[in-house]
């Protein structure tokens, strides 16, 4: 899914902070919720939306709007090759 970049993906955990080890990052939400981070006002995110950050903030947290029954989303990280 990445061209000319190194990347990773991991499951998001409700309310737990995530620190991307990349220059760009995002969240693909499986449920509606609130994404917060260092230097970022809370962003309300609908279900099934990609929220992308370029550059990546030092840390992010996604909290589901309702008690999740399962997976809430995926964190995505990417750094272009040669960066």
N, C-alpha and C. Protein backbone atom coordinates (compact mmCIF):
# COMPACT_ATOMS: atom_id res chain seq x y z
N UNK A 1 0.80 -1.19 0.00
CA UNK A 1 0.00 0.00 0.00
C UNK A 1 0.85 1.26 0.00
N UNK A 2 2.14 1.14 0.27
CA UNK A 2 3.00 2.30 0.27
C UNK A 2 3.92 2.26 -0.94
N UNK A 3 4.12 3.41 -1.53
CA UNK A 3 5.07 3.53 -2.64
C UNK A 3 6.15 4.51 -2.20
N UNK A 4 7.39 4.06 -2.29
CA UNK A 4 8.55 4.89 -1.92
C UNK A 4 8.51 5.38 -0.48
N UNK A 5 8.01 4.55 0.41
CA UNK A 5 7.97 4.89 1.83
C UNK A 5 8.05 3.62 2.67
N UNK A 6 8.52 3.78 3.89
CA UNK A 6 8.50 2.70 4.87
C UNK A 6 7.36 3.00 5.82
N UNK A 7 6.61 1.97 6.20
CA UNK A 7 5.46 2.23 7.05
C UNK A 7 5.08 1.08 7.94
N UNK A 8 4.10 1.36 8.78
CA UNK A 8 3.59 0.35 9.70
C UNK A 8 2.12 0.64 9.99
N UNK A 9 1.47 -0.36 10.56
CA UNK A 9 0.06 -0.23 10.94
C UNK A 9 -0.14 -1.03 12.22
N UNK A 10 -0.93 -0.49 13.14
CA UNK A 10 -1.26 -1.24 14.35
C UNK A 10 -2.66 -0.88 14.81
N UNK A 11 -3.27 -1.78 15.54
CA UNK A 11 -4.62 -1.54 16.05
C UNK A 11 -4.59 -0.43 17.09
N UNK A 12 -5.59 0.43 17.02
CA UNK A 12 -5.74 1.50 18.02
C UNK A 12 -6.46 0.93 19.24
N UNK A 13 -6.02 1.31 20.41
CA UNK A 13 -6.66 0.90 21.66
C UNK A 13 -7.40 2.09 22.24
N UNK A 14 -8.62 1.90 22.66
CA UNK A 14 -9.48 2.97 23.15
C UNK A 14 -8.84 3.77 24.27
N UNK A 15 -8.61 5.07 24.00
CA UNK A 15 -8.10 5.97 25.03
C UNK A 15 -6.62 5.89 25.33
N UNK A 16 -5.89 5.00 24.68
CA UNK A 16 -4.46 4.86 24.96
C UNK A 16 -3.64 5.67 23.98
N UNK A 17 -2.61 6.34 24.49
CA UNK A 17 -1.75 7.17 23.66
C UNK A 17 -0.91 6.31 22.72
N UNK A 18 -0.61 6.86 21.55
CA UNK A 18 0.23 6.21 20.54
C UNK A 18 1.24 7.24 20.06
N UNK A 19 2.49 6.84 19.97
CA UNK A 19 3.55 7.72 19.49
C UNK A 19 4.08 7.17 18.16
N UNK A 20 3.78 7.86 17.07
CA UNK A 20 4.25 7.37 15.77
C UNK A 20 5.75 7.52 15.64
N UNK A 21 6.39 6.52 15.12
CA UNK A 21 7.83 6.58 14.87
C UNK A 21 8.02 6.83 13.38
N UNK A 22 7.41 7.91 12.89
CA UNK A 22 7.41 8.22 11.46
C UNK A 22 7.22 9.72 11.27
N UNK A 23 7.47 10.18 10.06
CA UNK A 23 7.29 11.60 9.77
C UNK A 23 5.85 11.96 9.43
N UNK A 24 5.05 10.95 9.04
CA UNK A 24 3.64 11.15 8.72
C UNK A 24 2.84 10.03 9.37
N UNK A 25 1.61 10.33 9.72
CA UNK A 25 0.81 9.27 10.35
C UNK A 25 -0.67 9.55 10.17
N UNK A 26 -1.48 8.55 10.51
CA UNK A 26 -2.91 8.73 10.41
C UNK A 26 -3.67 7.73 11.27
N UNK A 27 -4.96 7.93 11.27
CA UNK A 27 -5.88 7.04 11.97
C UNK A 27 -7.00 6.69 11.00
N UNK A 28 -7.25 5.41 10.81
CA UNK A 28 -8.45 4.99 10.09
C UNK A 28 -9.41 4.48 11.17
N UNK A 29 -10.53 5.17 11.32
CA UNK A 29 -11.47 4.85 12.40
C UNK A 29 -12.48 3.79 11.97
N UNK A 30 -12.73 2.85 12.86
CA UNK A 30 -13.78 1.85 12.63
C UNK A 30 -15.07 2.28 13.33
N UNK A 31 -14.94 3.22 14.27
CA UNK A 31 -16.08 3.76 15.02
C UNK A 31 -15.90 5.27 15.13
N UNK A 32 -16.95 5.97 15.47
CA UNK A 32 -16.85 7.41 15.71
C UNK A 32 -16.14 7.66 17.03
N UNK A 33 -15.42 8.78 17.12
CA UNK A 33 -14.75 9.10 18.36
C UNK A 33 -14.03 10.43 18.29
N UNK A 34 -13.14 10.64 19.25
CA UNK A 34 -12.40 11.88 19.38
C UNK A 34 -10.91 11.59 19.32
N UNK A 35 -10.20 12.28 18.42
CA UNK A 35 -8.75 12.15 18.32
C UNK A 35 -8.13 13.40 18.93
N UNK A 36 -7.20 13.18 19.86
CA UNK A 36 -6.51 14.28 20.53
C UNK A 36 -5.01 14.03 20.46
N UNK A 37 -4.26 15.11 20.54
CA UNK A 37 -2.81 14.96 20.51
C UNK A 37 -2.11 16.21 20.93
N UNK A 38 -0.81 16.08 21.08
CA UNK A 38 0.02 17.20 21.45
C UNK A 38 -0.05 18.27 20.36
N UNK A 39 -0.46 19.48 20.74
CA UNK A 39 -0.60 20.56 19.77
C UNK A 39 -1.81 20.43 18.87
N UNK A 40 -2.75 19.58 19.23
CA UNK A 40 -3.93 19.33 18.40
C UNK A 40 -5.17 19.45 19.27
N UNK A 41 -6.08 20.32 18.88
CA UNK A 41 -7.36 20.36 19.56
C UNK A 41 -8.10 19.07 19.21
N UNK A 42 -8.99 18.64 20.06
CA UNK A 42 -9.73 17.42 19.79
C UNK A 42 -10.47 17.49 18.46
N UNK A 43 -10.35 16.44 17.67
CA UNK A 43 -11.01 16.36 16.37
C UNK A 43 -12.04 15.23 16.43
N UNK A 44 -13.31 15.56 16.21
CA UNK A 44 -14.34 14.53 16.16
C UNK A 44 -14.21 13.79 14.84
N UNK A 45 -14.14 12.46 14.93
CA UNK A 45 -13.91 11.63 13.75
C UNK A 45 -15.10 10.69 13.57
N UNK A 46 -15.76 10.73 12.41
CA UNK A 46 -16.83 9.77 12.14
C UNK A 46 -16.25 8.37 11.92
N UNK A 47 -17.09 7.37 11.92
CA UNK A 47 -16.65 6.00 11.62
C UNK A 47 -16.25 5.91 10.15
N UNK A 48 -15.25 5.08 9.88
CA UNK A 48 -14.77 4.78 8.53
C UNK A 48 -14.20 5.99 7.81
N UNK A 49 -13.38 6.76 8.55
CA UNK A 49 -12.74 7.96 8.01
C UNK A 49 -11.24 7.85 8.25
N UNK A 50 -10.46 8.36 7.29
CA UNK A 50 -9.01 8.45 7.46
C UNK A 50 -8.66 9.87 7.87
N UNK A 51 -8.00 10.01 8.99
CA UNK A 51 -7.50 11.28 9.49
C UNK A 51 -5.98 11.22 9.31
N UNK A 52 -5.39 12.19 8.57
CA UNK A 52 -3.98 12.12 8.21
C UNK A 52 -3.22 13.33 8.74
N UNK A 53 -1.99 13.11 9.23
CA UNK A 53 -1.15 14.17 9.79
C UNK A 53 0.19 14.22 9.05
N UNK A 54 0.53 15.39 8.52
CA UNK A 54 1.79 15.59 7.83
C UNK A 54 2.27 16.99 8.17
N UNK A 55 3.13 17.13 9.15
CA UNK A 55 3.93 16.12 9.81
C UNK A 55 3.19 15.44 10.97
N UNK A 56 3.74 14.31 11.38
CA UNK A 56 3.14 13.55 12.48
C UNK A 56 3.38 14.26 13.81
N UNK A 57 2.34 14.37 14.65
CA UNK A 57 2.55 14.91 16.00
C UNK A 57 3.29 13.88 16.86
N UNK A 58 3.88 14.31 17.98
CA UNK A 58 4.63 13.38 18.83
C UNK A 58 3.77 12.26 19.42
N UNK A 59 2.50 12.54 19.71
CA UNK A 59 1.63 11.52 20.30
C UNK A 59 0.17 11.83 19.96
N UNK A 60 -0.62 10.78 19.85
CA UNK A 60 -2.05 10.89 19.58
C UNK A 60 -2.82 9.92 20.46
N UNK A 61 -4.11 10.22 20.66
CA UNK A 61 -4.99 9.31 21.41
C UNK A 61 -6.36 9.36 20.74
N UNK A 62 -6.99 8.19 20.56
CA UNK A 62 -8.32 8.11 19.99
C UNK A 62 -9.24 7.45 21.00
N UNK A 63 -10.34 8.13 21.32
CA UNK A 63 -11.31 7.63 22.28
C UNK A 63 -12.64 7.43 21.57
N UNK A 64 -13.18 6.23 21.64
CA UNK A 64 -14.45 5.91 20.98
C UNK A 64 -15.59 6.70 21.62
N UNK A 65 -16.54 7.13 20.79
CA UNK A 65 -17.69 7.90 21.26
C UNK A 65 -18.60 7.04 22.14
N UNK A 66 -18.71 5.76 21.82
CA UNK A 66 -19.50 4.82 22.62
C UNK A 66 -18.61 3.66 23.01
N UNK A 67 -18.99 2.98 24.06
CA UNK A 67 -18.19 1.84 24.51
C UNK A 67 -18.01 0.87 23.35
N UNK A 68 -16.75 0.65 22.93
CA UNK A 68 -16.52 -0.21 21.77
C UNK A 68 -16.75 -1.69 22.07
N UNK A 69 -17.32 -2.38 21.10
CA UNK A 69 -17.53 -3.82 21.23
C UNK A 69 -16.34 -4.59 20.68
N UNK A 70 -15.50 -3.90 19.96
CA UNK A 70 -14.34 -4.55 19.35
C UNK A 70 -13.32 -3.52 18.90
N UNK A 71 -12.76 -3.75 17.77
CA UNK A 71 -11.73 -2.89 17.21
C UNK A 71 -12.26 -1.49 16.95
N UNK A 72 -11.47 -0.46 17.32
CA UNK A 72 -11.92 0.92 17.10
C UNK A 72 -11.24 1.58 15.91
N UNK A 73 -10.11 1.04 15.47
CA UNK A 73 -9.43 1.63 14.32
C UNK A 73 -7.99 1.17 14.23
N UNK A 74 -7.26 1.80 13.30
CA UNK A 74 -5.87 1.44 13.06
C UNK A 74 -5.03 2.71 12.98
N UNK A 75 -3.87 2.68 13.62
CA UNK A 75 -2.88 3.73 13.47
C UNK A 75 -2.01 3.38 12.28
N UNK A 76 -1.69 4.37 11.46
CA UNK A 76 -0.86 4.19 10.27
C UNK A 76 0.33 5.13 10.39
N UNK A 77 1.50 4.68 10.00
CA UNK A 77 2.70 5.50 10.06
C UNK A 77 3.49 5.32 8.77
N UNK A 78 4.06 6.41 8.27
CA UNK A 78 4.84 6.32 7.03
C UNK A 78 5.95 7.37 7.03
N UNK A 79 7.11 6.95 6.54
CA UNK A 79 8.24 7.85 6.34
C UNK A 79 8.74 7.62 4.93
N UNK A 80 8.76 8.67 4.09
CA UNK A 80 9.27 8.51 2.73
C UNK A 80 10.72 8.02 2.75
N UNK A 81 11.06 7.15 1.82
CA UNK A 81 12.43 6.65 1.73
C UNK A 81 13.34 7.82 1.40
N UNK A 82 14.49 7.84 2.06
CA UNK A 82 15.45 8.91 1.86
C UNK A 82 15.25 10.08 2.80
N UNK A 83 14.25 9.99 3.68
CA UNK A 83 14.01 11.07 4.65
C UNK A 83 14.78 10.84 5.92
